[in-house]
Structure formats: structure tokens, C-alpha cells
Amino acid sequence: MKLTNELDAARKRISKALHLDAWMGVLGNRWAARETPTPDWVIVYRTAQGFCCIYHDVPVEFSEMLDVQIWAEEMDVQTYFLGL
């Protein structure tokens, strides 16, 4: 029990001396910013044969709305439906 208390006290002293709380705050904010990237937006519009969108200058065609939703989830993009 005494060893546990001494180790805890030593950990706190080292943390305070090295300002680890401040570093963890800075690094924590950077990691939090990296974990939540903003998704791309894609405009999806209705065609005679189904749906279409332009993603990174390449046209992507879909036959059903479910295909669009599955693709958007896999590619991690937000869809904006135009003219439905």
C-alpha cells in the first residue's frame, strides 16, 4: 500500500515538473481535430436511368437510391439531392 502511494506521488510530481497536463491538452486538441475530418459534399441528381453525381471530376452513376446511400456511406461523403 505504501509503495502504491509513493508511486502515485512520484507520478504526480513528474507530471507537474514536465507540465504533462498542458502537453496533453495541446496534443488532445490536435488528435480530436484529426479524428473528425469534414466529409466531402456531393450533389446527386436524378437522370432518366437513375441517379448521377460528380465525385473528384469523375461521373458516378447509380440505378437506385439505395445504391447512392451505400456508396455515400462507403466513401464517407455527404450527399445533397438536387431536383428529386
PDB file of N, CA and C in Angstrom:
ATOM      1  N   MET A   1       0.821  -1.186   0.000  1.00  0.00           N
ATOM      2  CA  MET A   1       0.000   0.000   0.000  1.00  0.00           C
ATOM      3  C   MET A   1       0.864   1.248   0.000  1.00  0.00           C
ATOM      4  N   LYS A   2       1.954   1.231   0.754  1.00  0.00           N
ATOM      5  CA  LYS A   2       2.842   2.383   0.835  1.00  0.00           C
ATOM      6  C   LYS A   2       3.529   2.606  -0.507  1.00  0.00           C
ATOM      7  N   LEU A   3       3.927   1.519  -1.183  1.00  0.00           N
ATOM      8  CA  LEU A   3       4.581   1.639  -2.481  1.00  0.00           C
ATOM      9  C   LEU A   3       3.641   2.262  -3.509  1.00  0.00           C
ATOM     10  N   THR A   4       2.376   1.892  -3.482  1.00  0.00           N
ATOM     11  CA  THR A   4       1.394   2.451  -4.404  1.00  0.00           C
ATOM     12  C   THR A   4       1.246   3.949  -4.197  1.00  0.00           C
ATOM     13  N   ASN A   5       1.176   4.370  -2.940  1.00  0.00           N
ATOM     14  CA  ASN A   5       1.058   5.800  -2.635  1.00  0.00           C
ATOM     15  C   ASN A   5       2.304   6.556  -3.068  1.00  0.00           C
ATOM     16  N   GLU A   6       3.475   5.976  -2.856  1.00  0.00           N
ATOM     17  CA  GLU A   6       4.721   6.628  -3.244  1.00  0.00           C
ATOM     18  C   GLU A   6       4.840   6.732  -4.766  1.00  0.00           C
ATOM     19  N   LEU A   7       4.428   5.673  -5.479  1.00  0.00           N
ATOM     20  CA  LEU A   7       4.462   5.725  -6.940  1.00  0.00           C
ATOM     21  C   LEU A   7       3.484   6.762  -7.485  1.00  0.00           C
ATOM     22  N   ASP A   8       2.317   6.852  -6.883  1.00  0.00           N
ATOM     23  CA  ASP A   8       1.332   7.834  -7.305  1.00  0.00           C
ATOM     24  C   ASP A   8       1.854   9.250  -7.063  1.00  0.00           C
ATOM     25  N   ALA A   9       2.473   9.474  -5.920  1.00  0.00           N
ATOM     26  CA  ALA A   9       3.035  10.790  -5.604  1.00  0.00           C
ATOM     27  C   ALA A   9       4.170  11.130  -6.565  1.00  0.00           C
ATOM     28  N   ALA A  10       5.016  10.142  -6.879  1.00  0.00           N
ATOM     29  CA  ALA A  10       6.123  10.379  -7.828  1.00  0.00           C
ATOM     30  C   ALA A  10       5.571  10.690  -9.217  1.00  0.00           C
ATOM     31  N   ARG A  11       4.536   9.996  -9.625  1.00  0.00           N
ATOM     32  CA  ARG A  11       3.923  10.248 -10.938  1.00  0.00           C
ATOM     33  C   ARG A  11       3.385  11.674 -11.002  1.00  0.00           C
ATOM     34  N   LYS A  12       2.732  12.113  -9.944  1.00  0.00           N
ATOM     35  CA  LYS A  12       2.179  13.464  -9.912  1.00  0.00           C
ATOM     36  C   LYS A  12       3.281  14.525  -9.939  1.00  0.00           C
ATOM     37  N   ARG A  13       4.377  14.289  -9.221  1.00  0.00           N
ATOM     38  CA  ARG A  13       5.483  15.246  -9.219  1.00  0.00           C
ATOM     39  C   ARG A  13       6.131  15.340 -10.596  1.00  0.00           C
ATOM     40  N   ILE A  14       6.331  14.206 -11.237  1.00  0.00           N
ATOM     41  CA  ILE A  14       6.930  14.197 -12.570  1.00  0.00           C
ATOM     42  C   ILE A  14       5.999  14.880 -13.570  1.00  0.00           C
ATOM     43  N   SER A  15       4.733  14.597 -13.462  1.00  0.00           N
ATOM     44  CA  SER A  15       3.750  15.216 -14.350  1.00  0.00           C
ATOM     45  C   SER A  15       3.746  16.727 -14.190  1.00  0.00           C
ATOM     46  N   LYS A  16       3.811  17.187 -12.962  1.00  0.00           N
ATOM     47  CA  LYS A  16       3.810  18.625 -12.705  1.00  0.00           C
ATOM     48  C   LYS A  16       5.113  19.258 -13.185  1.00  0.00           C
ATOM     49  N   ALA A  17       6.229  18.600 -12.986  1.00  0.00           N
ATOM     50  CA  ALA A  17       7.522  19.151 -13.388  1.00  0.00           C
ATOM     51  C   ALA A  17       7.648  19.250 -14.910  1.00  0.00           C
ATOM     52  N   LEU A  18       7.097  18.280 -15.615  1.00  0.00           N
ATOM     53  CA  LEU A  18       7.195  18.274 -17.078  1.00  0.00           C
ATOM     54  C   LEU A  18       6.008  18.949 -17.760  1.00  0.00           C
ATOM     55  N   HIS A  19       5.067  19.451 -16.965  1.00  0.00           N
ATOM     56  CA  HIS A  19       3.865  20.117 -17.489  1.00  0.00           C
ATOM     57  C   HIS A  19       3.105  19.191 -18.439  1.00  0.00           C
ATOM     58  N   LEU A  20       2.944  17.953 -18.057  1.00  0.00           N
ATOM     59  CA  LEU A  20       2.280  16.978 -18.914  1.00  0.00           C
ATOM     60  C   LEU A  20       0.809  17.305 -19.138  1.00  0.00           C
ATOM     61  N   ASP A  21       0.167  17.951 -18.163  1.00  0.00           N
ATOM     62  CA  ASP A  21      -1.242  18.315 -18.346  1.00  0.00           C
ATOM     63  C   ASP A  21      -1.402  19.288 -19.517  1.00  0.00           C
ATOM     64  N   ALA A  22      -0.502  20.261 -19.604  1.00  0.00           N
ATOM     65  CA  ALA A  22      -0.562  21.230 -20.703  1.00  0.00           C
ATOM     66  C   ALA A  22      -0.295  20.547 -22.035  1.00  0.00           C
ATOM     67  N   TRP A  23       0.686  19.651 -22.067  1.00  0.00           N
ATOM     68  CA  TRP A  23       1.000  18.939 -23.317  1.00  0.00           C
ATOM     69  C   TRP A  23      -0.157  18.049 -23.749  1.00  0.00           C
ATOM     70  N   MET A  24      -0.772  17.375 -22.793  1.00  0.00           N
ATOM     71  CA  MET A  24      -1.902  16.512 -23.135  1.00  0.00           C
ATOM     72  C   MET A  24      -3.077  17.343 -23.654  1.00  0.00           C
ATOM     73  N   GLY A  25      -3.260  18.542 -23.122  1.00  0.00           N
ATOM     74  CA  GLY A  25      -4.314  19.408 -23.621  1.00  0.00           C
ATOM     75  C   GLY A  25      -4.071  19.823 -25.062  1.00  0.00           C
ATOM     76  N   VAL A  26      -2.831  20.193 -25.370  1.00  0.00           N
ATOM     77  CA  VAL A  26      -2.487  20.598 -26.739  1.00  0.00           C
ATOM     78  C   VAL A  26      -2.576  19.407 -27.684  1.00  0.00           C
ATOM     79  N   LEU A  27      -1.981  18.311 -27.304  1.00  0.00           N
ATOM     80  CA  LEU A  27      -1.997  17.131 -28.172  1.00  0.00           C
ATOM     81  C   LEU A  27      -3.399  16.556 -28.288  1.00  0.00           C
ATOM     82  N   GLY A  28      -4.154  16.606 -27.211  1.00  0.00           N
ATOM     83  CA  GLY A  28      -5.526  16.108 -27.248  1.00  0.00           C
ATOM     84  C   GLY A  28      -6.378  16.892 -28.229  1.00  0.00           C
ATOM     85  N   ASN A  29      -6.191  18.217 -28.275  1.00  0.00           N
ATOM     86  CA  ASN A  29      -6.941  19.044 -29.227  1.00  0.00           C
ATOM     87  C   ASN A  29      -6.545  18.721 -30.659  1.00  0.00           C
ATOM     88  N   ARG A  30      -5.279  18.496 -30.892  1.00  0.00           N
ATOM     89  CA  ARG A  30      -4.830  18.153 -32.248  1.00  0.00           C
ATOM     90  C   ARG A  30      -5.369  16.792 -32.667  1.00  0.00           C
ATOM     91  N   TRP A  31      -5.340  15.826 -31.772  1.00  0.00           N
ATOM     92  CA  TRP A  31      -5.855  14.495 -32.099  1.00  0.00           C
ATOM     93  C   TRP A  31      -7.355  14.534 -32.322  1.00  0.00           C
ATOM     94  N   ALA A  32      -8.060  15.326 -31.526  1.00  0.00           N
ATOM     95  CA  ALA A  32      -9.507  15.445 -31.698  1.00  0.00           C
ATOM     96  C   ALA A  32      -9.832  16.065 -33.049  1.00  0.00           C
ATOM     97  N   ALA A  33      -9.027  17.032 -33.465  1.00  0.00           N
ATOM     98  CA  ALA A  33      -9.256  17.673 -34.765  1.00  0.00           C
ATOM     99  C   ALA A  33      -8.994  16.697 -35.906  1.00  0.00           C
ATOM    100  N   ARG A  34      -8.038  15.823 -35.747  1.00  0.00           N
ATOM    101  CA  ARG A  34      -7.724  14.848 -36.794  1.00  0.00           C
ATOM    102  C   ARG A  34      -8.758  13.738 -36.874  1.00  0.00           C
ATOM    103  N   GLU A  35      -9.397  13.426 -35.766  1.00  0.00           N
ATOM    104  CA  GLU A  35     -10.342  12.318 -35.743  1.00  0.00           C
ATOM    105  C   GLU A  35     -11.641  12.641 -36.454  1.00  0.00           C
ATOM    106  N   THR A  36     -11.975  13.911 -36.579  1.00  0.00           N
ATOM    107  CA  THR A  36     -13.239  14.281 -37.193  1.00  0.00           C
ATOM    108  C   THR A  36     -13.009  15.131 -38.442  1.00  0.00           C
ATOM    109  N   PRO A  37     -12.547  14.520 -39.513  1.00  0.00           N
ATOM    110  CA  PRO A  37     -12.365  15.305 -40.732  1.00  0.00           C
ATOM    111  C   PRO A  37     -13.719  15.670 -41.332  1.00  0.00           C
ATOM    112  N   THR A  38     -13.755  16.784 -42.007  1.00  0.00           N
ATOM    113  CA  THR A  38     -15.008  17.185 -42.627  1.00  0.00           C
ATOM    114  C   THR A  38     -15.216  16.366 -43.895  1.00  0.00           C
ATOM    115  N   PRO A  39     -16.375  15.780 -44.052  1.00  0.00           N
ATOM    116  CA  PRO A  39     -16.621  14.960 -45.240  1.00  0.00           C
ATOM    117  C   PRO A  39     -16.835  15.825 -46.480  1.00  0.00           C
ATOM    118  N   ASP A  40     -16.559  15.270 -47.639  1.00  0.00           N
ATOM    119  CA  ASP A  40     -16.818  15.943 -48.902  1.00  0.00           C
ATOM    120  C   ASP A  40     -18.321  15.979 -49.153  1.00  0.00           C
ATOM    121  N   TRP A  41     -18.744  16.985 -49.897  1.00  0.00           N
ATOM    122  CA  TRP A  41     -20.141  17.086 -50.299  1.00  0.00           C
ATOM    123  C   TRP A  41     -20.257  16.690 -51.751  1.00  0.00           C
ATOM    124  N   VAL A  42     -21.299  15.952 -52.071  1.00  0.00           N
ATOM    125  CA  VAL A  42     -21.548  15.501 -53.436  1.00  0.00           C
ATOM    126  C   VAL A  42     -22.993  15.850 -53.791  1.00  0.00           C
ATOM    127  N   ILE A  43     -23.184  16.490 -54.946  1.00  0.00           N
ATOM    128  CA  ILE A  43     -24.524  16.794 -55.424  1.00  0.00           C
ATOM    129  C   ILE A  43     -24.997  15.627 -56.275  1.00  0.00           C
ATOM    130  N   VAL A  44     -26.104  15.038 -55.853  1.00  0.00           N
ATOM    131  CA  VAL A  44     -26.689  13.900 -56.571  1.00  0.00           C
ATOM    132  C   VAL A  44     -27.945  14.399 -57.282  1.00  0.00           C
ATOM    133  N   TYR A  45     -28.069  14.069 -58.551  1.00  0.00           N
ATOM    134  CA  TYR A  45     -29.247  14.496 -59.297  1.00  0.00           C
ATOM    135  C   TYR A  45     -29.862  13.323 -60.027  1.00  0.00           C
ATOM    136  N   ARG A  46     -31.145  13.482 -60.323  1.00  0.00           N
ATOM    137  CA  ARG A  46     -31.931  12.433 -60.964  1.00  0.00           C
ATOM    138  C   ARG A  46     -31.705  12.480 -62.466  1.00  0.00           C
ATOM    139  N   THR A  47     -31.538  11.306 -63.057  1.00  0.00           N
ATOM    140  CA  THR A  47     -31.443  11.182 -64.511  1.00  0.00           C
ATOM    141  C   THR A  47     -32.569  10.269 -64.986  1.00  0.00           C
ATOM    142  N   ALA A  48     -32.653  10.082 -66.290  1.00  0.00           N
ATOM    143  CA  ALA A  48     -33.699   9.219 -66.848  1.00  0.00           C
ATOM    144  C   ALA A  48     -33.480   7.757 -66.443  1.00  0.00           C
ATOM    145  N   GLN A  49     -32.223   7.356 -66.263  1.00  0.00           N
ATOM    146  CA  GLN A  49     -31.921   5.963 -65.924  1.00  0.00           C
ATOM    147  C   GLN A  49     -31.681   5.726 -64.435  1.00  0.00           C
ATOM    148  N   GLY A  50     -31.616   6.768 -63.632  1.00  0.00           N
ATOM    149  CA  GLY A  50     -31.349   6.574 -62.208  1.00  0.00           C
ATOM    150  C   GLY A  50     -30.848   7.850 -61.570  1.00  0.00           C
ATOM    151  N   PHE A  51     -29.645   7.787 -61.012  1.00  0.00           N
ATOM    152  CA  PHE A  51     -29.044   8.927 -60.330  1.00  0.00           C
ATOM    153  C   PHE A  51     -27.616   9.086 -60.804  1.00  0.00           C
ATOM    154  N   CYS A  52     -27.080  10.307 -60.654  1.00  0.00           N
ATOM    155  CA  CYS A  52     -25.707  10.566 -61.062  1.00  0.00           C
ATOM    156  C   CYS A  52     -25.118  11.633 -60.149  1.00  0.00           C
ATOM    157  N   CYS A  53     -23.793  11.601 -60.010  1.00  0.00           N
ATOM    158  CA  CYS A  53     -23.084  12.643 -59.276  1.00  0.00           C
ATOM    159  C   CYS A  53     -21.678  12.766 -59.851  1.00  0.00           C
ATOM    160  N   ILE A  54     -21.023  13.861 -59.541  1.00  0.00           N
ATOM    161  CA  ILE A  54     -19.638  14.077 -59.941  1.00  0.00           C
ATOM    162  C   ILE A  54     -18.797  14.031 -58.675  1.00  0.00           C
ATOM    163  N   TYR A  55     -17.880  13.085 -58.606  1.00  0.00           N
ATOM    164  CA  TYR A  55     -17.023  12.932 -57.431  1.00  0.00           C
ATOM    165  C   TYR A  55     -15.577  12.966 -57.892  1.00  0.00           C
ATOM    166  N   HIS A  56     -14.842  13.991 -57.473  1.00  0.00           N
ATOM    167  CA  HIS A  56     -13.446  14.200 -57.891  1.00  0.00           C
ATOM    168  C   HIS A  56     -13.334  14.211 -59.414  1.00  0.00           C
ATOM    169  N   ASP A  57     -14.202  14.991 -60.054  1.00  0.00           N
ATOM    170  CA  ASP A  57     -14.222  15.185 -61.518  1.00  0.00           C
ATOM    171  C   ASP A  57     -14.508  13.919 -62.308  1.00  0.00           C
ATOM    172  N   VAL A  58     -15.090  12.930 -61.683  1.00  0.00           N
ATOM    173  CA  VAL A  58     -15.453  11.690 -62.362  1.00  0.00           C
ATOM    174  C   VAL A  58     -16.951  11.455 -62.159  1.00  0.00           C
ATOM    175  N   PRO A  59     -17.715  11.258 -63.237  1.00  0.00           N
ATOM    176  CA  PRO A  59     -19.142  10.986 -63.058  1.00  0.00           C
ATOM    177  C   PRO A  59     -19.372   9.584 -62.501  1.00  0.00           C
ATOM    178  N   VAL A  60     -20.269   9.506 -61.535  1.00  0.00           N
ATOM    179  CA  VAL A  60     -20.621   8.228 -60.922  1.00  0.00           C
ATOM    180  C   VAL A  60     -22.117   8.049 -61.104  1.00  0.00           C
ATOM    181  N   GLU A  61     -22.515   6.939 -61.727  1.00  0.00           N
ATOM    182  CA  GLU A  61     -23.924   6.688 -61.996  1.00  0.00           C
ATOM    183  C   GLU A  61     -24.450   5.571 -61.110  1.00  0.00           C
ATOM    184  N   PHE A  62     -25.725   5.706 -60.715  1.00  0.00           N
ATOM    185  CA  PHE A  62     -26.385   4.733 -59.858  1.00  0.00           C
ATOM    186  C   PHE A  62     -27.744   4.416 -60.454  1.00  0.00           C
ATOM    187  N   SER A  63     -28.213   3.214 -60.213  1.00  0.00           N
ATOM    188  CA  SER A  63     -29.525   2.839 -60.734  1.00  0.00           C
ATOM    189  C   SER A  63     -30.640   3.090 -59.715  1.00  0.00           C
ATOM    190  N   GLU A  64     -30.321   3.025 -58.417  1.00  0.00           N
ATOM    191  CA  GLU A  64     -31.343   3.194 -57.381  1.00  0.00           C
ATOM    192  C   GLU A  64     -30.834   4.094 -56.265  1.00  0.00           C
ATOM    193  N   MET A  65     -31.766   4.635 -55.515  1.00  0.00           N
ATOM    194  CA  MET A  65     -31.430   5.498 -54.379  1.00  0.00           C
ATOM    195  C   MET A  65     -30.626   4.741 -53.324  1.00  0.00           C
ATOM    196  N   LEU A  66     -30.911   3.477 -53.122  1.00  0.00           N
ATOM    197  CA  LEU A  66     -30.170   2.668 -52.151  1.00  0.00           C
ATOM    198  C   LEU A  66     -28.698   2.573 -52.530  1.00  0.00           C
ATOM    199  N   ASP A  67     -28.415   2.461 -53.826  1.00  0.00           N
ATOM    200  CA  ASP A  67     -27.020   2.427 -54.286  1.00  0.00           C
ATOM    201  C   ASP A  67     -26.294   3.722 -53.930  1.00  0.00           C
ATOM    202  N   VAL A  68     -26.994   4.850 -54.065  1.00  0.00           N
ATOM    203  CA  VAL A  68     -26.394   6.146 -53.724  1.00  0.00           C
ATOM    204  C   VAL A  68     -26.069   6.189 -52.233  1.00  0.00           C
ATOM    205  N   GLN A  69     -26.992   5.748 -51.408  1.00  0.00           N
ATOM    206  CA  GLN A  69     -26.797   5.794 -49.965  1.00  0.00           C
ATOM    207  C   GLN A  69     -25.659   4.884 -49.518  1.00  0.00           C
ATOM    208  N   ILE A  70     -25.570   3.701 -50.092  1.00  0.00           N
ATOM    209  CA  ILE A  70     -24.490   2.769 -49.748  1.00  0.00           C
ATOM    210  C   ILE A  70     -23.148   3.341 -50.185  1.00  0.00           C
ATOM    211  N   TRP A  71     -23.090   3.881 -51.391  1.00  0.00           N
ATOM    212  CA  TRP A  71     -21.850   4.472 -51.910  1.00  0.00           C
ATOM    213  C   TRP A  71     -21.410   5.648 -51.041  1.00  0.00           C
ATOM    214  N   ALA A  72     -22.354   6.501 -50.665  1.00  0.00           N
ATOM    215  CA  ALA A  72     -22.023   7.663 -49.836  1.00  0.00           C
ATOM    216  C   ALA A  72     -21.469   7.231 -48.482  1.00  0.00           C
ATOM    217  N   GLU A  73     -22.018   6.183 -47.920  1.00  0.00           N
ATOM    218  CA  GLU A  73     -21.520   5.676 -46.640  1.00  0.00           C
ATOM    219  C   GLU A  73     -20.117   5.103 -46.787  1.00  0.00           C
ATOM    220  N   GLU A  74     -19.864   4.361 -47.846  1.00  0.00           N
ATOM    221  CA  GLU A  74     -18.542   3.766 -48.064  1.00  0.00           C
ATOM    222  C   GLU A  74     -17.479   4.820 -48.352  1.00  0.00           C
ATOM    223  N   MET A  75     -17.852   5.856 -49.104  1.00  0.00           N
ATOM    224  CA  MET A  75     -16.892   6.897 -49.481  1.00  0.00           C
ATOM    225  C   MET A  75     -16.801   8.003 -48.437  1.00  0.00           C
ATOM    226  N   ASP A  76     -17.645   7.961 -47.425  1.00  0.00           N
ATOM    227  CA  ASP A  76     -17.690   8.950 -46.349  1.00  0.00           C
ATOM    228  C   ASP A  76     -17.902  10.356 -46.920  1.00  0.00           C
ATOM    229  N   VAL A  77     -18.978  10.498 -47.688  1.00  0.00           N
ATOM    230  CA  VAL A  77     -19.353  11.796 -48.247  1.00  0.00           C
ATOM    231  C   VAL A  77     -20.771  12.152 -47.820  1.00  0.00           C
ATOM    232  N   GLN A  78     -21.051  13.438 -47.786  1.00  0.00           N
ATOM    233  CA  GLN A  78     -22.397  13.925 -47.511  1.00  0.00           C
ATOM    234  C   GLN A  78     -23.065  14.168 -48.857  1.00  0.00           C
ATOM    235  N   THR A  79     -24.296  13.733 -48.999  1.00  0.00           N
ATOM    236  CA  THR A  79     -24.996  13.898 -50.257  1.00  0.00           C
ATOM    237  C   THR A  79     -26.002  15.040 -50.168  1.00  0.00           C
ATOM    238  N   TYR A  80     -26.125  15.760 -51.262  1.00  0.00           N
ATOM    239  CA  TYR A  80     -27.131  16.797 -51.408  1.00  0.00           C
ATOM    240  C   TYR A  80     -27.908  16.454 -52.654  1.00  0.00           C
ATOM    241  N   PHE A  81     -29.181  16.128 -52.473  1.00  0.00           N
ATOM    242  CA  PHE A  81     -30.002  15.689 -53.596  1.00  0.00           C
ATOM    243  C   PHE A  81     -30.636  16.910 -54.264  1.00  0.00           C
ATOM    244  N   LEU A  82     -30.506  16.984 -55.580  1.00  0.00           N
ATOM    245  CA  LEU A  82     -30.974  18.109 -56.345  1.00  0.00           C
ATOM    246  C   LEU A  82     -32.041  17.639 -57.330  1.00  0.00           C
ATOM    247  N   GLY A  83     -33.197  18.282 -57.306  1.00  0.00           N
ATOM    248  CA  GLY A  83     -34.243  18.012 -58.279  1.00  0.00           C
ATOM    249  C   GLY A  83     -34.932  16.668 -58.142  1.00  0.00           C
ATOM    250  N   LEU A  84     -35.152  16.223 -56.920  1.00  0.00           N
ATOM    251  CA  LEU A  84     -35.835  14.934 -56.751  1.00  0.00           C
ATOM    252  C   LEU A  84     -37.310  15.125 -56.577  1.00  0.00           C
TER     253      LEU A  84
END
